[in-house]
C-alpha atoms as a PDB file:
ATOM      1  CA  MET A   1      -6.059 -41.216   6.755  1.00  0.00           C
ATOM      2  CA  ILE A   2      -2.451 -41.474   8.197  1.00  0.00           C
ATOM      3  CA  ARG A   3      -1.310 -39.387   5.245  1.00  0.00           C
ATOM      4  CA  LYS A   4      -3.919 -36.746   5.613  1.00  0.00           C
ATOM      5  CA  LEU A   5      -2.933 -36.700   9.531  1.00  0.00           C
ATOM      6  CA  VAL A   6       0.900 -36.172   8.699  1.00  0.00           C
ATOM      7  CA  LEU A   7       0.073 -33.449   5.998  1.00  0.00           C
ATOM      8  CA  PHE A   8      -2.051 -31.836   8.464  1.00  0.00           C
ATOM      9  CA  THR A   9       0.607 -31.810  11.247  1.00  0.00           C
ATOM     10  CA  THR A  10       3.317 -30.702   8.742  1.00  0.00           C
ATOM     11  CA  LEU A  11       1.038 -27.662   7.803  1.00  0.00           C
ATOM     12  CA  ILE A  12       0.515 -26.658  11.419  1.00  0.00           C
ATOM     13  CA  VAL A  13       4.261 -26.854  12.192  1.00  0.00           C
ATOM     14  CA  ILE A  14       5.053 -24.730   9.057  1.00  0.00           C
ATOM     15  CA  LEU A  15       2.532 -22.227  10.093  1.00  0.00           C
ATOM     16  CA  LEU A  16       3.736 -21.989  13.737  1.00  0.00           C
ATOM     17  CA  SER A  17       7.301 -21.616  12.632  1.00  0.00           C
ATOM     18  CA  THR A  18       6.305 -18.793  10.191  1.00  0.00           C
ATOM     19  CA  LYS A  19       4.482 -17.034  13.063  1.00  0.00           C
ATOM     20  CA  VAL A  20       7.573 -17.349  15.192  1.00  0.00           C
ATOM     21  CA  ASN A  21      10.196 -16.455  12.632  1.00  0.00           C
ATOM     22  CA  ALA A  22       8.168 -13.268  11.712  1.00  0.00           C
ATOM     23  CA  SER A  23       7.747 -12.034  15.332  1.00  0.00           C
ATOM     24  CA  GLU A  24      11.755 -12.123  15.622  1.00  0.00           C
ATOM     25  CA  ILE A  25      12.311  -9.914  12.444  1.00  0.00           C
ATOM     26  CA  PRO A  26      13.924  -6.616  13.663  1.00  0.00           C
ATOM     27  CA  VAL A  27      11.883  -3.547  12.838  1.00  0.00           C
ATOM     28  CA  SER A  28      15.032  -1.978  11.374  1.00  0.00           C
ATOM     29  CA  HIS A  29      15.420  -4.816   8.920  1.00  0.00           C
ATOM     30  CA  VAL A  30      11.597  -4.456   7.788  1.00  0.00           C
ATOM     31  CA  LYS A  31      12.112  -0.688   7.265  1.00  0.00           C
ATOM     32  CA  ASN A  32      15.329  -1.289   5.275  1.00  0.00           C
ATOM     33  CA  THR A  33      13.446  -3.806   3.138  1.00  0.00           C
ATOM     34  CA  ILE A  34      10.735  -1.270   2.532  1.00  0.00           C
ATOM     35  CA  VAL A  35      12.957   1.508   1.297  1.00  0.00           C
ATOM     36  CA  GLN A  36      14.825  -0.978  -0.983  1.00  0.00           C
ATOM     37  CA  HIS A  37      11.545  -2.112  -2.628  1.00  0.00           C
ATOM     38  CA  SER A  38      10.177   1.496  -2.670  1.00  0.00           C
ATOM     39  CA  VAL A  39      13.344   2.655  -4.527  1.00  0.00           C
ATOM     40  CA  ALA A  40      13.100  -0.250  -6.996  1.00  0.00           C
ATOM     41  CA  LEU A  41       9.518   0.384  -7.837  1.00  0.00           C
ATOM     42  CA  GLY A  42       9.805   4.049  -8.055  1.00  0.00           C
ATOM     43  CA  VAL A  43       7.575   4.860  -4.979  1.00  0.00           C
ATOM     44  CA  ASP A  44       8.483   7.441  -2.242  1.00  0.00           C
ATOM     45  CA  PRO A  45       9.850   5.400   0.803  1.00  0.00           C
ATOM     46  CA  ALA A  46       8.156   7.734   3.073  1.00  0.00           C
ATOM     47  CA  ILE A  47       4.643   6.759   1.837  1.00  0.00           C
ATOM     48  CA  ALA A  48       5.486   3.045   1.872  1.00  0.00           C
ATOM     49  CA  LEU A  49       6.683   3.297   5.348  1.00  0.00           C
ATOM     50  CA  SER A  50       3.636   5.155   6.420  1.00  0.00           C
ATOM     51  CA  ILE A  51       1.383   2.443   4.830  1.00  0.00           C
ATOM     52  CA  ALA A  52       3.337  -0.252   6.794  1.00  0.00           C
ATOM     53  CA  LYS A  53       3.313   1.332  10.106  1.00  0.00           C
ATOM     54  CA  VAL A  54      -0.504   2.074  10.000  1.00  0.00           C
ATOM     55  CA  GLU A  55      -1.270  -1.348   8.693  1.00  0.00           C
ATOM     56  CA  SER A  56       0.791  -3.535  10.936  1.00  0.00           C
ATOM     57  CA  GLY A  57       3.143  -1.535  13.000  1.00  0.00           C
ATOM     58  CA  TYR A  58       5.945  -3.185  10.804  1.00  0.00           C
ATOM     59  CA  ASN A  59       4.944  -6.565  12.351  1.00  0.00           C
ATOM     60  CA  HIS A  60       5.162  -9.273   9.781  1.00  0.00           C
ATOM     61  CA  SER A  61       3.357 -11.684  12.019  1.00  0.00           C
ATOM     62  CA  SER A  62       0.334  -9.386  12.052  1.00  0.00           C
ATOM     63  CA  ARG A  63      -3.023 -11.067  10.872  1.00  0.00           C
ATOM     64  CA  SER A  64      -6.363  -9.368  10.628  1.00  0.00           C
ATOM     65  CA  VAL A  65      -9.901 -10.759  11.423  1.00  0.00           C
ATOM     66  CA  HIS A  66     -10.485 -10.437   7.641  1.00  0.00           C
ATOM     67  CA  GLY A  67      -7.468 -12.556   6.754  1.00  0.00           C
ATOM     68  CA  ALA A  68      -4.964  -9.898   5.664  1.00  0.00           C
ATOM     69  CA  VAL A  69      -1.427 -10.932   6.167  1.00  0.00           C
ATOM     70  CA  GLY A  70       2.053  -9.443   7.124  1.00  0.00           C
ATOM     71  CA  VAL A  71       3.573  -5.914   7.058  1.00  0.00           C
ATOM     72  CA  PHE A  72       1.265  -4.601   4.194  1.00  0.00           C
ATOM     73  CA  GLN A  73      -1.762  -6.632   5.392  1.00  0.00           C
ATOM     74  CA  LEU A  74      -2.272  -8.299   1.882  1.00  0.00           C
ATOM     75  CA  MET A  75      -5.178 -10.335   1.396  1.00  0.00           C
ATOM     76  CA  PRO A  76      -4.114 -13.675   0.029  1.00  0.00           C
ATOM     77  CA  SER A  77      -6.384 -13.263  -3.038  1.00  0.00           C
ATOM     78  CA  THR A  78      -4.872  -9.981  -3.731  1.00  0.00           C
ATOM     79  CA  ALA A  79      -1.311 -11.257  -3.297  1.00  0.00           C
ATOM     80  CA  ALA A  80      -2.197 -14.135  -5.741  1.00  0.00           C
ATOM     81  CA  ARG A  81      -3.193 -11.465  -8.419  1.00  0.00           C
ATOM     82  CA  LEU A  82       0.087  -9.839  -7.778  1.00  0.00           C
ATOM     83  CA  GLY A  83       2.150 -12.967  -8.066  1.00  0.00           C
ATOM     84  CA  VAL A  84       3.677 -12.773  -4.501  1.00  0.00           C
ATOM     85  CA  ASN A  85       3.551 -14.791  -1.502  1.00  0.00           C
ATOM     86  CA  PRO A  86       2.064 -12.755   1.360  1.00  0.00           C
ATOM     87  CA  TYR A  87       3.601 -15.036   4.069  1.00  0.00           C
ATOM     88  CA  HIS A  88       7.186 -14.284   2.904  1.00  0.00           C
ATOM     89  CA  LEU A  89       8.382 -10.907   4.198  1.00  0.00           C
ATOM     90  CA  ALA A  90      10.141  -9.522   1.010  1.00  0.00           C
ATOM     91  CA  ASP A  91       7.174 -10.674  -1.205  1.00  0.00           C
ATOM     92  CA  ASN A  92       4.701  -9.186   1.266  1.00  0.00           C
ATOM     93  CA  ILE A  93       6.472  -5.754   1.064  1.00  0.00           C
ATOM     94  CA  LYS A  94       6.946  -5.915  -2.547  1.00  0.00           C
ATOM     95  CA  GLY A  95       3.373  -6.569  -3.034  1.00  0.00           C
ATOM     96  CA  GLY A  96       1.997  -3.991  -0.722  1.00  0.00           C
ATOM     97  CA  ILE A  97       4.037  -1.265  -2.528  1.00  0.00           C
ATOM     98  CA  LEU A  98       3.079  -2.690  -5.990  1.00  0.00           C
ATOM     99  CA  TYR A  99      -0.485  -2.606  -4.971  1.00  0.00           C
ATOM    100  CA  TYR A 100      -0.427   0.919  -3.794  1.00  0.00           C
ATOM    101  CA  LYS A 101       1.425   1.953  -7.147  1.00  0.00           C
ATOM    102  CA  MET A 102      -1.138   0.139  -9.165  1.00  0.00           C
ATOM    103  CA  LEU A 103      -3.978   2.044  -7.200  1.00  0.00           C
ATOM    104  CA  TYR A 104      -2.258   5.383  -7.597  1.00  0.00           C
ATOM    105  CA  LYS A 105      -2.151   4.764 -11.314  1.00  0.00           C
ATOM    106  CA  MET A 106      -5.744   3.999 -11.199  1.00  0.00           C
ATOM    107  CA  PHE A 107      -6.911   7.073  -9.404  1.00  0.00           C
ATOM    108  CA  GLY A 108      -4.036   9.657  -9.711  1.00  0.00           C
ATOM    109  CA  SER A 109      -4.597  10.757  -6.070  1.00  0.00           C
ATOM    110  CA  THR A 110      -2.517   9.523  -2.867  1.00  0.00           C
ATOM    111  CA  GLU A 111      -5.697   9.918  -0.713  1.00  0.00           C
ATOM    112  CA  LEU A 112      -7.898   7.862  -3.105  1.00  0.00           C
ATOM    113  CA  ALA A 113      -5.335   5.220  -3.623  1.00  0.00           C
ATOM    114  CA  LEU A 114      -4.913   4.735   0.114  1.00  0.00           C
ATOM    115  CA  ALA A 115      -8.804   4.632   0.667  1.00  0.00           C
ATOM    116  CA  ALA A 116      -8.868   1.940  -2.214  1.00  0.00           C
ATOM    117  CA  TYR A 117      -6.113   0.120  -0.331  1.00  0.00           C
ATOM    118  CA  ASN A 118      -8.042  -0.011   2.888  1.00  0.00           C
ATOM    119  CA  ALA A 119     -11.612  -0.561   1.488  1.00  0.00           C
ATOM    120  CA  GLY A 120     -10.994  -1.983  -1.878  1.00  0.00           C
ATOM    121  CA  PRO A 121     -11.174  -0.057  -5.300  1.00  0.00           C
ATOM    122  CA  ALA A 122     -14.826  -0.736  -6.203  1.00  0.00           C
ATOM    123  CA  TYR A 123     -16.080   1.788  -3.840  1.00  0.00           C
ATOM    124  CA  VAL A 124     -13.701   4.532  -4.859  1.00  0.00           C
ATOM    125  CA  LEU A 125     -14.292   3.765  -8.650  1.00  0.00           C
ATOM    126  CA  LYS A 126     -18.159   4.188  -8.114  1.00  0.00           C
ATOM    127  CA  HIS A 127     -18.370   7.189  -5.877  1.00  0.00           C
ATOM    128  CA  HIS A 128     -14.754   8.841  -6.680  1.00  0.00           C
ATOM    129  CA  CYS A 129     -14.084   9.463  -3.012  1.00  0.00           C
ATOM    130  CA  ALA A 130     -12.974   7.783   0.121  1.00  0.00           C
ATOM    131  CA  PRO A 131     -15.747   5.758   1.926  1.00  0.00           C
ATOM    132  CA  PRO A 132     -16.429   7.220   5.626  1.00  0.00           C
ATOM    133  CA  TYR A 133     -14.908   4.217   7.354  1.00  0.00           C
ATOM    134  CA  SER A 134     -11.622   4.768   5.446  1.00  0.00           C
ATOM    135  CA  ARG A 135     -11.115   8.627   6.196  1.00  0.00           C
ATOM    136  CA  ASN A 136      -9.353   8.092   9.462  1.00  0.00           C
ATOM    137  CA  TYR A 137      -7.101   5.339   8.050  1.00  0.00           C
ATOM    138  CA  VAL A 138      -6.134   7.836   5.374  1.00  0.00           C
ATOM    139  CA  ALA A 139      -5.537  10.676   7.676  1.00  0.00           C
ATOM    140  CA  LYS A 140      -3.261   8.488   9.862  1.00  0.00           C
ATOM    141  CA  ILE A 141      -0.999   7.397   6.989  1.00  0.00           C
ATOM    142  CA  MET A 142      -0.847  11.161   5.690  1.00  0.00           C
ATOM    143  CA  SER A 143      -0.076  12.327   9.225  1.00  0.00           C
ATOM    144  CA  GLU A 144       2.820   9.757   9.324  1.00  0.00           C
ATOM    145  CA  TYR A 145       3.964  10.608   5.827  1.00  0.00           C
ATOM    146  CA  TYR A 146       4.286  14.332   6.607  1.00  0.00           C
ATOM    147  CA  LYS A 147       6.305  13.432   9.737  1.00  0.00           C
ATOM    148  CA  LEU A 148       8.766  11.283   7.634  1.00  0.00           C
ATOM    149  CA  LYS A 149       9.197  13.962   5.071  1.00  0.00           C
ATOM    150  CA  ALA A 150      10.110  16.474   7.996  1.00  0.00           C
ATOM    151  CA  ASN A 151      12.177  14.017  10.005  1.00  0.00           C
ATOM    152  CA  PRO A 152      13.242  11.121   7.704  1.00  0.00           C
ATOM    153  CA  ASP A 153      13.596   7.536   9.321  1.00  0.00           C
ATOM    154  CA  ALA A 154      17.172   6.245   9.518  1.00  0.00           C
ATOM    155  CA  SER A 155      16.340   3.667   6.946  1.00  0.00           C
ATOM    156  CA  MET A 156      15.694   6.550   4.464  1.00  0.00           C
ATOM    157  CA  LYS A 157      19.142   8.103   5.092  1.00  0.00           C
ATOM    158  CA  ASN A 158      22.319   7.317   3.282  1.00  0.00           C
ATOM    159  CA  LYS A 159      20.333   5.970   0.244  1.00  0.00           C
ATOM    160  CA  GLY A 160      22.151   7.631  -2.599  1.00  0.00           C
ATOM    161  CA  ASN A 161      19.364   6.516  -5.172  1.00  0.00           C
ATOM    162  CA  VAL A 162      16.400   7.205  -3.296  1.00  0.00           C
ATOM    163  CA  HIS A 163      15.752  10.788  -4.669  1.00  0.00           C
ATOM    164  CA  ALA A 164      16.949   9.704  -8.213  1.00  0.00           C
ATOM    165  CA  ALA A 165      14.302   6.939  -8.186  1.00  0.00           C
ATOM    166  CA  VAL A 166      11.268   8.809  -7.147  1.00  0.00           C
ATOM    167  CA  HIS A 167       9.020  10.971  -9.611  1.00  0.00           C
ATOM    168  CA  HIS A 168       8.444  14.651  -8.561  1.00  0.00           C
ATOM    169  CA  VAL A 169       5.354  16.333  -9.296  1.00  0.00           C
ATOM    170  CA  THR A 170       5.768  20.189 -10.152  1.00  0.00           C
ATOM    171  CA  ASN A 171       2.987  22.550  -9.809  1.00  0.00           C
ATOM    172  CA  PRO A 172       0.079  20.693 -11.302  1.00  0.00           C
ATOM    173  CA  ALA A 173      -3.189  22.393 -11.542  1.00  0.00           C
ATOM    174  CA  PRO A 174      -5.907  21.210  -9.030  1.00  0.00           C
ATOM    175  CA  ILE A 175      -8.693  19.255 -10.480  1.00  0.00           C
ATOM    176  CA  THR A 176     -11.768  17.238  -9.221  1.00  0.00           C
ATOM    177  CA  ILE A 177     -11.228  13.609  -9.881  1.00  0.00           C
ATOM    178  CA  THR A 178     -14.143  12.165 -11.949  1.00  0.00           C
ATOM    179  CA  SER A 179     -12.512   9.124 -13.475  1.00  0.00           C
ATOM    180  CA  HIS A 180      -9.255   7.317 -13.343  1.00  0.00           C
ATOM    181  CA  GLY A 181      -6.452   7.329 -15.746  1.00  0.00           C
ATOM    182  CA  SER A 182      -2.886   6.162 -16.255  1.00  0.00           C
ATOM    183  CA  VAL A 183      -0.632   8.355 -14.018  1.00  0.00           C
ATOM    184  CA  LYS A 184       2.487   7.554 -12.098  1.00  0.00           C
ATOM    185  CA  PRO A 185       2.308   6.742  -8.485  1.00  0.00           C
ATOM    186  CA  MET A 186       2.432   9.250  -6.010  1.00  0.00           C
ATOM    187  CA  THR A 187       6.043   9.443  -4.678  1.00  0.00           C
ATOM    188  CA  ALA A 188       7.915  12.641  -3.441  1.00  0.00           C
ATOM    189  CA  SER A 189       4.896  14.912  -3.593  1.00  0.00           C
ATOM    190  CA  VAL A 190       1.609  14.574  -1.980  1.00  0.00           C
ATOM    191  CA  PRO A 191      -1.597  16.346  -3.399  1.00  0.00           C
ATOM    192  CA  ARG A 192      -3.334  18.799  -1.251  1.00  0.00           C
ATOM    193  CA  VAL A 193      -7.014  18.081  -0.300  1.00  0.00           C
ATOM    194  CA  ILE A 194      -9.436  20.918  -0.559  1.00  0.00           C
ATOM    195  CA  ASN A 195     -13.137  20.818   0.923  1.00  0.00           C
ATOM    196  CA  ASP A 196     -15.360  21.788  -1.830  1.00  0.00           C
ATOM    197  CA  GLY A 197     -18.653  21.163   0.081  1.00  0.00           C
ATOM    198  CA  THR A 198     -19.612  18.043  -1.853  1.00  0.00           C
ATOM    199  CA  ASN A 199     -17.531  15.532   0.282  1.00  0.00           C
ATOM    200  CA  ARG A 200     -15.414  14.717  -2.675  1.00  0.00           C
ATOM    201  CA  LEU A 201     -11.596  15.280  -2.879  1.00  0.00           C
ATOM    202  CA  ILE A 202      -9.957  17.985  -5.130  1.00  0.00           C
ATOM    203  CA  ILE A 203      -6.399  16.910  -5.752  1.00  0.00           C
ATOM    204  CA  LYS A 204      -3.336  17.894  -7.703  1.00  0.00           C
ATOM    205  CA  GLN A 205      -2.848  15.165 -10.378  1.00  0.00           C
ATOM    206  CA  ALA A 206       0.479  13.791 -11.564  1.00  0.00           C
ATOM    207  CA  PRO A 207       1.166  14.066 -15.421  1.00  0.00           C
ATOM    208  CA  SER A 208      -0.180  11.084 -17.360  1.00  0.00           C
ATOM    209  CA  THR A 209       2.356   8.702 -18.616  1.00  0.00           C
ATOM    210  CA  ALA A 210       2.667   5.313 -19.932  1.00  0.00           C
ATOM    211  CA  SER A 211       3.714   2.367 -17.658  1.00  0.00           C
ATOM    212  CA  ARG A 212       4.413  -1.218 -17.977  1.00  0.00           C
ATOM    213  CA  THR A 213       2.741  -2.160 -14.645  1.00  0.00           C
ATOM    214  CA  PRO A 214      -0.206  -4.641 -15.257  1.00  0.00           C
ATOM    215  CA  LYS A 215      -3.620  -3.311 -14.907  1.00  0.00           C
ATOM    216  CA  LEU A 216      -5.424  -4.407 -11.766  1.00  0.00           C
ATOM    217  CA  GLN A 217      -8.637  -6.349 -12.353  1.00  0.00           C
ATOM    218  CA  VAL A 218     -11.264  -4.715 -10.176  1.00  0.00           C
ATOM    219  CA  SER A 219     -14.412  -6.514  -8.896  1.00  0.00           C
ATOM    220  CA  MET A 220     -17.667  -4.181  -8.574  1.00  0.00           C
ATOM    221  CA  ARG A 221     -19.106  -6.805  -6.156  1.00  0.00           C
ATOM    222  CA  LYS A 222     -20.305  -5.302  -2.750  1.00  0.00           C
ATOM    223  CA  GLU A 223     -18.366  -8.026  -0.763  1.00  0.00           C
ATOM    224  CA  GLU A 224     -14.997  -5.959  -1.129  1.00  0.00           C
ATOM    225  CA  GLU A 225     -13.136  -6.501   2.093  1.00  0.00           C
ATOM    226  CA  PRO A 226     -11.145  -3.834   3.975  1.00  0.00           C
ATOM    227  CA  TYR A 227      -7.308  -4.290   4.062  1.00  0.00           C
ATOM    228  CA  SER A 228      -7.165  -3.243   7.843  1.00  0.00           C
END
């Protein structure tokens, strides 16, 4: 009994310490870490920064009612599958960017990848479009993305390897996405959305290419939880 009480008290102290330390992390440090991991993973820092801003406002102490954690609001179960610790800043950021990259590989569209990040991939796989409750979320991130591309954040400047690390899409033909394939993650270019009257997205798809990134195991159960 005493041993259990000691373990419980220790756990509470650790959790409280983590929350305090997380709240003290400067936003500039969070942004710089995001840019560094984005470059390392071959993802445009602008899209990674945009996700983090909408998800948590760059606040690592942020917790959602669904249990999502940290800067990229990772669910602990998702973090476990990615092999990262969501309570650790660098791991949370790396995991969030890697998860987005895996979703982009799955769908070949920034908008669909963002919708899956928010709502879980099962709905997007089944309907090939963003669920209604995720469309505002996607719009916010895309708006922030375009702002950062027009006026780069200080964390994105003076990074000599940023442009060399990302993949550029050049004049792909528009298609209606009906299935997912193996394509590179959206980085420096963002597909244009066209309304074809069916509430589905017509997107510009990146060229298909092989990747060493492990495949994401997707559950088709209805209880997929949102990530915000």
